Amino acid sequence: MRSRLGITIAILLLGATAFAQQDSSTATSTGTIVVRLSGKQLYASYCALCHGADGKGGGPFSPQLKTWPPDLTTVSKKNGGAFPTLHIAEIIDGEFESPSHGSQDMPIWGPIFRSMAHGRSDSAKRRIDNLVNYLESIQQK
């Protein structure tokens, strides 16, 4: 079961990387390529397979995980009504190990985003910020 999960995650990462390479971009007058990274697109590419398209934790790969992915639409509610922007960014980045996100079942995206941003004017930080902003936008009211 463990090796099958590892293979599944590897396939997800390859697919997510291929999707993300299709981000829309434009060239500036100086020839610099600016990549537009939609938080919604990033979520669909990296998070929805486990957390579900609606963010409630019922993605198609959820049943294969040891721990059911959390409902990402209730983060603010569980945090006294405030969205913990910095904390969520740190979890996604993997800068600080988190039992809920940094286990072997859940990939951390910072290293992957940094490798994808190499040589372009976008950055891992922009990808993470856009993803965090999207997650904030789907919070239950």
N, C-alpha and C. Protein backbone atom coordinates (compact mmCIF):
# COMPACT_ATOMS: atom_id res chain seq x y z
N MET A 1 0.83 -1.19 0.00
CA MET A 1 0.00 0.00 0.00
C MET A 1 0.87 1.25 0.00
N ARG A 2 1.93 1.26 0.80
CA ARG A 2 2.81 2.43 0.91
C ARG A 2 3.46 2.74 -0.43
N SER A 3 3.96 1.71 -1.15
CA SER A 3 4.63 1.97 -2.43
C SER A 3 3.62 2.44 -3.46
N ARG A 4 2.40 1.92 -3.41
CA ARG A 4 1.37 2.36 -4.34
C ARG A 4 1.02 3.83 -4.12
N LEU A 5 0.98 4.23 -2.86
CA LEU A 5 0.71 5.63 -2.53
C LEU A 5 1.85 6.52 -3.04
N GLY A 6 3.08 6.05 -2.87
CA GLY A 6 4.24 6.81 -3.36
C GLY A 6 4.18 6.99 -4.87
N ILE A 7 3.80 5.94 -5.57
CA ILE A 7 3.68 6.02 -7.03
C ILE A 7 2.57 6.98 -7.41
N THR A 8 1.45 6.91 -6.69
CA THR A 8 0.33 7.82 -6.95
C THR A 8 0.76 9.27 -6.77
N ILE A 9 1.48 9.55 -5.69
CA ILE A 9 1.92 10.92 -5.44
C ILE A 9 2.90 11.37 -6.51
N ALA A 10 3.79 10.49 -6.94
CA ALA A 10 4.73 10.84 -8.01
C ALA A 10 3.99 11.19 -9.29
N ILE A 11 2.97 10.41 -9.62
CA ILE A 11 2.18 10.70 -10.83
C ILE A 11 1.46 12.03 -10.68
N LEU A 12 0.92 12.30 -9.50
CA LEU A 12 0.26 13.58 -9.25
C LEU A 12 1.22 14.74 -9.44
N LEU A 13 2.43 14.59 -8.91
CA LEU A 13 3.41 15.67 -9.02
C LEU A 13 3.79 15.91 -10.47
N LEU A 14 3.97 14.86 -11.23
CA LEU A 14 4.30 15.03 -12.65
C LEU A 14 3.17 15.72 -13.40
N GLY A 15 1.94 15.30 -13.14
CA GLY A 15 0.80 15.93 -13.78
C GLY A 15 0.63 17.37 -13.38
N ALA A 16 0.82 17.64 -12.10
CA ALA A 16 0.70 19.01 -11.61
C ALA A 16 1.77 19.90 -12.21
N THR A 17 2.98 19.38 -12.33
CA THR A 17 4.06 20.16 -12.93
C THR A 17 3.75 20.47 -14.38
N ALA A 18 3.26 19.49 -15.10
CA ALA A 18 2.93 19.71 -16.51
C ALA A 18 1.82 20.75 -16.65
N PHE A 19 0.80 20.67 -15.77
CA PHE A 19 -0.28 21.64 -15.82
C PHE A 19 0.23 23.03 -15.52
N ALA A 20 1.05 23.15 -14.50
CA ALA A 20 1.54 24.46 -14.08
C ALA A 20 2.41 25.11 -15.13
N GLN A 21 3.08 24.31 -15.94
CA GLN A 21 3.92 24.87 -16.99
C GLN A 21 3.07 25.59 -18.04
N GLN A 22 1.74 25.35 -18.03
CA GLN A 22 0.85 25.97 -18.98
C GLN A 22 0.27 27.29 -18.48
N ASP A 23 0.77 27.81 -17.37
CA ASP A 23 0.30 29.09 -16.85
C ASP A 23 0.39 30.14 -17.94
N SER A 24 -0.55 31.07 -17.95
CA SER A 24 -0.50 32.12 -18.96
C SER A 24 0.66 33.06 -18.68
N SER A 25 1.28 33.57 -19.72
CA SER A 25 2.41 34.47 -19.54
C SER A 25 2.41 35.50 -20.65
N THR A 26 3.09 36.62 -20.36
CA THR A 26 3.26 37.67 -21.35
C THR A 26 4.68 38.20 -21.24
N ALA A 27 5.17 38.73 -22.34
CA ALA A 27 6.51 39.32 -22.33
C ALA A 27 6.38 40.82 -22.14
N THR A 28 7.22 41.39 -21.29
CA THR A 28 7.23 42.83 -21.08
C THR A 28 8.09 43.48 -22.15
N SER A 29 8.12 44.81 -22.16
CA SER A 29 8.91 45.54 -23.15
C SER A 29 10.41 45.26 -23.00
N THR A 30 10.83 44.81 -21.82
CA THR A 30 12.25 44.50 -21.61
C THR A 30 12.56 43.05 -21.95
N GLY A 31 11.55 42.31 -22.39
CA GLY A 31 11.76 40.92 -22.76
C GLY A 31 11.61 39.95 -21.60
N THR A 32 11.32 40.47 -20.40
CA THR A 32 11.11 39.61 -19.25
C THR A 32 9.76 38.94 -19.37
N ILE A 33 9.72 37.66 -19.13
CA ILE A 33 8.44 36.94 -19.17
C ILE A 33 7.82 37.00 -17.79
N VAL A 34 6.57 37.47 -17.75
CA VAL A 34 5.82 37.54 -16.50
C VAL A 34 4.76 36.46 -16.55
N VAL A 35 4.78 35.57 -15.59
CA VAL A 35 3.84 34.46 -15.55
C VAL A 35 2.69 34.83 -14.62
N ARG A 36 1.48 34.67 -15.12
CA ARG A 36 0.29 34.91 -14.30
C ARG A 36 -0.11 33.58 -13.68
N LEU A 37 -0.10 33.54 -12.39
CA LEU A 37 -0.36 32.30 -11.67
C LEU A 37 -1.65 32.42 -10.87
N SER A 38 -2.71 31.92 -11.40
CA SER A 38 -3.99 31.98 -10.73
C SER A 38 -4.00 31.04 -9.53
N GLY A 39 -4.41 31.55 -8.39
CA GLY A 39 -4.53 30.70 -7.21
C GLY A 39 -5.52 29.57 -7.43
N LYS A 40 -6.57 29.86 -8.16
CA LYS A 40 -7.57 28.83 -8.47
C LYS A 40 -6.97 27.73 -9.34
N GLN A 41 -6.16 28.11 -10.33
CA GLN A 41 -5.50 27.12 -11.18
C GLN A 41 -4.49 26.30 -10.37
N LEU A 42 -3.73 26.98 -9.51
CA LEU A 42 -2.77 26.28 -8.68
C LEU A 42 -3.48 25.28 -7.77
N TYR A 43 -4.59 25.70 -7.18
CA TYR A 43 -5.36 24.82 -6.32
C TYR A 43 -5.83 23.59 -7.10
N ALA A 44 -6.41 23.83 -8.28
CA ALA A 44 -6.90 22.72 -9.10
C ALA A 44 -5.78 21.75 -9.45
N SER A 45 -4.61 22.29 -9.69
CA SER A 45 -3.48 21.48 -10.11
C SER A 45 -2.81 20.73 -8.95
N TYR A 46 -2.68 21.35 -7.80
CA TYR A 46 -1.89 20.78 -6.72
C TYR A 46 -2.69 20.27 -5.54
N CYS A 47 -3.88 20.78 -5.31
CA CYS A 47 -4.58 20.49 -4.06
C CYS A 47 -5.88 19.69 -4.22
N ALA A 48 -6.57 19.91 -5.32
CA ALA A 48 -7.92 19.37 -5.48
C ALA A 48 -7.98 17.85 -5.50
N LEU A 49 -6.93 17.19 -5.94
CA LEU A 49 -6.98 15.73 -6.00
C LEU A 49 -7.15 15.11 -4.61
N CYS A 50 -6.66 15.78 -3.60
CA CYS A 50 -6.84 15.29 -2.23
C CYS A 50 -7.90 16.08 -1.48
N HIS A 51 -7.85 17.41 -1.58
CA HIS A 51 -8.77 18.25 -0.81
C HIS A 51 -10.11 18.46 -1.50
N GLY A 52 -10.26 18.00 -2.74
CA GLY A 52 -11.51 18.14 -3.47
C GLY A 52 -11.61 19.46 -4.19
N ALA A 53 -12.34 19.47 -5.29
CA ALA A 53 -12.52 20.69 -6.08
C ALA A 53 -13.16 21.80 -5.25
N ASP A 54 -14.00 21.41 -4.28
CA ASP A 54 -14.68 22.39 -3.43
C ASP A 54 -13.89 22.71 -2.16
N GLY A 55 -12.74 22.05 -1.95
CA GLY A 55 -11.90 22.32 -0.79
C GLY A 55 -12.35 21.63 0.49
N LYS A 56 -13.36 20.77 0.40
CA LYS A 56 -13.92 20.17 1.61
C LYS A 56 -13.29 18.83 1.98
N GLY A 57 -12.26 18.41 1.26
CA GLY A 57 -11.52 17.23 1.66
C GLY A 57 -11.94 15.93 1.02
N GLY A 58 -12.71 15.98 -0.02
CA GLY A 58 -13.19 14.74 -0.63
C GLY A 58 -12.69 14.53 -2.04
N GLY A 59 -11.42 14.81 -2.29
CA GLY A 59 -10.86 14.61 -3.62
C GLY A 59 -10.78 13.14 -3.98
N PRO A 60 -10.57 12.83 -5.26
CA PRO A 60 -10.56 11.44 -5.70
C PRO A 60 -9.47 10.57 -5.06
N PHE A 61 -8.41 11.16 -4.55
CA PHE A 61 -7.35 10.37 -3.92
C PHE A 61 -7.49 10.30 -2.40
N SER A 62 -8.48 10.97 -1.83
CA SER A 62 -8.67 10.97 -0.38
C SER A 62 -8.76 9.57 0.22
N PRO A 63 -9.52 8.66 -0.39
CA PRO A 63 -9.64 7.32 0.21
C PRO A 63 -8.31 6.55 0.30
N GLN A 64 -7.33 6.91 -0.50
CA GLN A 64 -6.05 6.22 -0.48
C GLN A 64 -5.11 6.73 0.61
N LEU A 65 -5.45 7.84 1.23
CA LEU A 65 -4.57 8.44 2.24
C LEU A 65 -4.84 7.85 3.62
N LYS A 66 -3.82 7.83 4.46
CA LYS A 66 -3.97 7.34 5.83
C LYS A 66 -4.84 8.30 6.65
N THR A 67 -4.70 9.59 6.40
CA THR A 67 -5.46 10.62 7.10
C THR A 67 -6.30 11.38 6.08
N TRP A 68 -7.58 11.52 6.35
CA TRP A 68 -8.48 12.22 5.44
C TRP A 68 -8.07 13.69 5.37
N PRO A 69 -7.95 14.27 4.17
CA PRO A 69 -7.54 15.67 4.05
C PRO A 69 -8.57 16.60 4.71
N PRO A 70 -8.10 17.64 5.37
CA PRO A 70 -9.03 18.53 6.07
C PRO A 70 -9.86 19.38 5.11
N ASP A 71 -10.96 19.86 5.63
CA ASP A 71 -11.83 20.79 4.92
C ASP A 71 -11.15 22.15 4.93
N LEU A 72 -10.68 22.59 3.79
CA LEU A 72 -9.95 23.86 3.71
C LEU A 72 -10.87 25.07 3.70
N THR A 73 -12.18 24.85 3.65
CA THR A 73 -13.12 25.97 3.66
C THR A 73 -13.45 26.41 5.09
N THR A 74 -12.94 25.69 6.08
CA THR A 74 -13.25 26.03 7.48
C THR A 74 -12.02 26.49 8.26
N VAL A 75 -10.96 26.82 7.57
CA VAL A 75 -9.73 27.25 8.25
C VAL A 75 -9.99 28.49 9.10
N SER A 76 -10.64 29.49 8.54
CA SER A 76 -10.95 30.71 9.31
C SER A 76 -11.84 30.41 10.50
N LYS A 77 -12.86 29.62 10.26
CA LYS A 77 -13.82 29.27 11.31
C LYS A 77 -13.10 28.61 12.49
N LYS A 78 -12.14 27.73 12.19
CA LYS A 78 -11.39 27.03 13.23
C LYS A 78 -10.33 27.92 13.87
N ASN A 79 -10.15 29.12 13.31
CA ASN A 79 -9.14 30.05 13.82
C ASN A 79 -9.80 31.33 14.34
N GLY A 80 -10.96 31.19 14.94
CA GLY A 80 -11.65 32.33 15.54
C GLY A 80 -12.13 33.36 14.54
N GLY A 81 -12.35 32.96 13.29
CA GLY A 81 -12.86 33.87 12.27
C GLY A 81 -11.79 34.57 11.46
N ALA A 82 -10.53 34.38 11.82
CA ALA A 82 -9.43 35.03 11.08
C ALA A 82 -8.68 33.99 10.25
N PHE A 83 -8.35 34.35 9.04
CA PHE A 83 -7.59 33.44 8.19
C PHE A 83 -6.10 33.60 8.50
N PRO A 84 -5.42 32.51 8.91
CA PRO A 84 -4.01 32.60 9.31
C PRO A 84 -3.08 32.55 8.08
N THR A 85 -3.01 33.64 7.37
CA THR A 85 -2.29 33.72 6.10
C THR A 85 -0.85 33.20 6.19
N LEU A 86 -0.09 33.72 7.12
CA LEU A 86 1.31 33.32 7.23
C LEU A 86 1.46 31.84 7.56
N HIS A 87 0.64 31.37 8.47
CA HIS A 87 0.71 29.96 8.86
C HIS A 87 0.38 29.04 7.68
N ILE A 88 -0.64 29.38 6.92
CA ILE A 88 -1.02 28.57 5.76
C ILE A 88 0.10 28.60 4.72
N ALA A 89 0.70 29.76 4.50
CA ALA A 89 1.82 29.86 3.55
C ALA A 89 2.98 28.98 3.99
N GLU A 90 3.27 28.97 5.29
CA GLU A 90 4.36 28.15 5.82
C GLU A 90 4.06 26.66 5.65
N ILE A 91 2.82 26.27 5.84
CA ILE A 91 2.44 24.86 5.67
C ILE A 91 2.61 24.44 4.21
N ILE A 92 2.11 25.27 3.30
CA ILE A 92 2.23 24.94 1.87
C ILE A 92 3.69 24.87 1.46
N ASP A 93 4.48 25.83 1.91
CA ASP A 93 5.89 25.88 1.56
C ASP A 93 6.66 24.71 2.16
N GLY A 94 6.24 24.25 3.33
CA GLY A 94 6.95 23.17 4.00
C GLY A 94 8.14 23.66 4.78
N GLU A 95 8.23 24.97 4.94
CA GLU A 95 9.34 25.57 5.67
C GLU A 95 9.43 25.03 7.09
N PHE A 96 8.28 24.84 7.71
CA PHE A 96 8.22 24.27 9.05
C PHE A 96 7.45 22.97 8.95
N GLU A 97 8.02 21.90 9.47
CA GLU A 97 7.36 20.60 9.38
C GLU A 97 6.04 20.66 10.13
N SER A 98 5.00 20.19 9.50
CA SER A 98 3.68 20.18 10.10
C SER A 98 3.10 18.78 10.01
N PRO A 99 2.69 18.19 11.12
CA PRO A 99 2.13 16.85 11.07
C PRO A 99 0.93 16.75 10.14
N SER A 100 0.15 17.83 10.02
CA SER A 100 -1.04 17.77 9.19
C SER A 100 -0.72 17.91 7.71
N HIS A 101 0.44 18.43 7.37
CA HIS A 101 0.74 18.66 5.95
C HIS A 101 2.07 18.09 5.53
N GLY A 102 3.00 17.97 6.43
CA GLY A 102 4.33 17.57 6.03
C GLY A 102 4.62 16.09 6.13
N SER A 103 3.60 15.27 6.31
CA SER A 103 3.83 13.85 6.38
C SER A 103 4.18 13.32 4.99
N GLN A 104 4.55 12.06 4.93
CA GLN A 104 4.88 11.47 3.64
C GLN A 104 3.64 11.33 2.76
N ASP A 105 2.46 11.38 3.35
CA ASP A 105 1.24 11.30 2.56
C ASP A 105 0.94 12.60 1.84
N MET A 106 1.42 13.71 2.36
CA MET A 106 1.07 15.01 1.81
C MET A 106 2.32 15.72 1.33
N PRO A 107 2.42 15.95 0.04
CA PRO A 107 3.62 16.66 -0.44
C PRO A 107 3.61 18.12 0.01
N ILE A 108 4.79 18.64 0.19
CA ILE A 108 4.93 20.07 0.44
C ILE A 108 5.35 20.69 -0.89
N TRP A 109 4.88 21.88 -1.15
CA TRP A 109 5.02 22.44 -2.49
C TRP A 109 6.14 23.44 -2.66
N GLY A 110 6.70 23.98 -1.59
CA GLY A 110 7.76 24.98 -1.71
C GLY A 110 8.90 24.54 -2.60
N PRO A 111 9.52 23.38 -2.34
CA PRO A 111 10.64 22.96 -3.19
C PRO A 111 10.24 22.77 -4.65
N ILE A 112 9.05 22.27 -4.88
CA ILE A 112 8.58 22.07 -6.26
C ILE A 112 8.36 23.42 -6.93
N PHE A 113 7.71 24.35 -6.24
CA PHE A 113 7.48 25.68 -6.80
C PHE A 113 8.80 26.40 -7.07
N ARG A 114 9.76 26.25 -6.16
CA ARG A 114 11.07 26.89 -6.37
C ARG A 114 11.76 26.32 -7.60
N SER A 115 11.68 25.03 -7.82
CA SER A 115 12.33 24.45 -8.99
C SER A 115 11.63 24.88 -10.28
N MET A 116 10.33 25.08 -10.23
CA MET A 116 9.58 25.51 -11.41
C MET A 116 9.84 26.97 -11.74
N ALA A 117 10.15 27.79 -10.75
CA ALA A 117 10.35 29.22 -10.96
C ALA A 117 11.76 29.55 -11.44
N HIS A 118 12.64 28.58 -11.46
CA HIS A 118 14.04 28.81 -11.82
C HIS A 118 14.17 29.54 -13.17
N GLY A 119 14.81 30.68 -13.15
CA GLY A 119 15.09 31.41 -14.38
C GLY A 119 13.95 32.25 -14.92
N ARG A 120 12.85 32.33 -14.19
CA ARG A 120 11.73 33.15 -14.65
C ARG A 120 11.45 34.23 -13.62
N SER A 121 10.65 35.21 -14.04
CA SER A 121 10.38 36.32 -13.12
C SER A 121 9.32 35.98 -12.08
N ASP A 122 8.68 34.83 -12.21
CA ASP A 122 7.77 34.45 -11.14
C ASP A 122 8.59 33.82 -10.03
N SER A 123 7.94 33.45 -8.96
CA SER A 123 8.69 32.87 -7.86
C SER A 123 7.81 31.89 -7.11
N ALA A 124 8.45 31.08 -6.29
CA ALA A 124 7.70 30.17 -5.43
C ALA A 124 6.81 30.99 -4.50
N LYS A 125 7.32 32.11 -4.02
CA LYS A 125 6.53 32.95 -3.11
C LYS A 125 5.26 33.45 -3.79
N ARG A 126 5.35 33.85 -5.03
CA ARG A 126 4.15 34.32 -5.74
C ARG A 126 3.15 33.18 -5.89
N ARG A 127 3.63 32.00 -6.22
CA ARG A 127 2.73 30.85 -6.35
C ARG A 127 2.04 30.57 -5.00
N ILE A 128 2.83 30.54 -3.94
CA ILE A 128 2.26 30.27 -2.62
C ILE A 128 1.30 31.37 -2.21
N ASP A 129 1.66 32.63 -2.42
CA ASP A 129 0.78 33.75 -2.08
C ASP A 129 -0.55 33.66 -2.84
N ASN A 130 -0.49 33.34 -4.12
CA ASN A 130 -1.72 33.23 -4.91
C ASN A 130 -2.58 32.07 -4.43
N LEU A 131 -1.93 30.98 -4.07
CA LEU A 131 -2.66 29.82 -3.56
C LEU A 131 -3.30 30.16 -2.21
N VAL A 132 -2.56 30.82 -1.34
CA VAL A 132 -3.09 31.23 -0.03
C VAL A 132 -4.27 32.18 -0.21
N ASN A 133 -4.15 33.14 -1.13
CA ASN A 133 -5.25 34.08 -1.38
C ASN A 133 -6.49 33.34 -1.87
N TYR A 134 -6.29 32.34 -2.71
CA TYR A 134 -7.43 31.56 -3.18
C TYR A 134 -8.07 30.81 -2.02
N LEU A 135 -7.26 30.19 -1.18
CA LEU A 135 -7.81 29.46 -0.03
C LEU A 135 -8.60 30.40 0.89
N GLU A 136 -8.08 31.61 1.07
CA GLU A 136 -8.82 32.60 1.88
C GLU A 136 -10.16 32.93 1.23
N SER A 137 -10.19 32.96 -0.10
CA SER A 137 -11.42 33.33 -0.81
C SER A 137 -12.51 32.25 -0.73
N ILE A 138 -12.15 31.02 -0.40
CA ILE A 138 -13.16 29.95 -0.34
C ILE A 138 -13.62 29.66 1.08
N GLN A 139 -13.26 30.50 2.03
CA GLN A 139 -13.65 30.27 3.42
C GLN A 139 -15.16 30.43 3.60
N GLN A 140 -15.74 29.55 4.41
CA GLN A 140 -17.15 29.65 4.75
C GLN A 140 -17.40 30.94 5.51
N LYS A 141 -18.49 31.57 5.21
CA LYS A 141 -18.84 32.82 5.89
C LYS A 141 -19.68 32.56 7.09
